[in-house]
Amino acid sequence: MKRIFITLIFTIFIFLSFSVYACAGNGDIDSYKDEFSYEEMISEIDSATVEILNEIGITDISYESIFSVTPKKVFDSFFRVLTDSLKEPFKYFVSLVGLMAVMALFTNLSHSPETVTLIGTSCVACVLAVPVISLVSDSFSVLQVMSGFTSAFTGVFCAVVSAAGGVISGSAYFGLNISINSVLNVLLSSLSQPLTNTMCSLAFLSCFNIKSFSERISDLFKKAYIFLLGITTTVFSGVSALKTVLGSSADSVAIRGVKFLVGHSLPIVGGVVSESYQSILASLVLIKNTVGVFGIITVAVIVLPIVSELLVWCFCLNFISTVAEIFGCFKIENLISVFKDVIILLIATIVFSALLFIISCGMMLIFKGGI
């Protein structure tokens, strides 16, 4: 009798020590939105991103809103963004083609074609400098917006992952994203911005360079930078995968242990409580996946307009380079090649930043809480 009494007291003590307070809600799986509202989450992003999210049907952080996204809405929004991105490059394309035509004409009629070539190439450089500088500024502004959103999102998503049974996984995710943000800030401030400014300077210097020295240097910078981004992405992806696998395994063992303890320590109702605990975990995992998918979609929407604009400009510069080759404006062709390398560098930086977040967040969506 004494042994049974001591066992009962010990079981009650263990149960109270590891108990979790819970209360009933209104039956809505999206009641968690009261803790972090949609308005608070989007306060870190710009109005253009919010408009695109509304176009594809995401008006709040809920399962119904995310599930209502259809390919038609996504393609319609993408084509609208792409159409808006075509206007300014087309305007500059027409202006530059006309400028190169006049330059080719005066070069053939002038007694000093080198002077005309230098003046014409300088004019083309000045005309192209306006949109390129604007693209550089917009690109780094988008990177700052994405950094602010991911910082705000990381804390929320880590809490949701921990509530869904992934305490170790959530801690690993939080630490990994803090490291990623630190690396990105150092990369942008110490390498990306100075390298972009250097390549823009090389583009202007190419106006006075007979050989393609500036083009070769910019191409070398571009390849080395993209190689560095590839190495960094590989390292962070590998670390994220390892942390997710190990953390998910540890959390799954812990959850199964709690289910076993509850199911066998409580007489009569132990099985019912264990099944209820599993149902709660399933609901929390659904909430976690909803928040994670929302974060991935939002980051993709943040970078979509600027990436579309950069891609359109890249194709536009290719066409301008072809026209310059037809007119025999080889210095302009060299100039455009360097500017194109600047745009490719910006695309690589933005895609790299978004890819790191999407990979780390996508890894966490694999975790199912041992259910």
Foldseek 3Di string as FASTA:
>chain_A
DVVVVVLLVVLVVVCVVPDDDDDDDPPDLPPCCVVPWQCNLCVLADPQLVVLLVQQQQPTLDPVSVVSRDPVSVVVSLVVLLVVLQVVLVVLLVVLLVLLVVLLVCLVVDPCNLVSLLVSLLVNLVSVVVVLVVLVVVLVVLVSSLLRSCVVLLVVLLVLLVVLQLVQLSVVLSVLVVVLSVVLVCCVVPPLVVLLVVLSVLLNVLSVDPDLPSLVVLVVSLVVLLVVLVVVLVVSLVVLLVSLVVSLVVSLVVLVVVLVSQLPSDPPCSPVVSVVVVVVSQSSLVSSLSSLVVSLVSLCSSCSSSLSSLVSNLVSLVVSLVSCVVSVSVSSNSSSSSSSSSSSSSNSSSCSSSVSSNSNSVSSNVRSRND
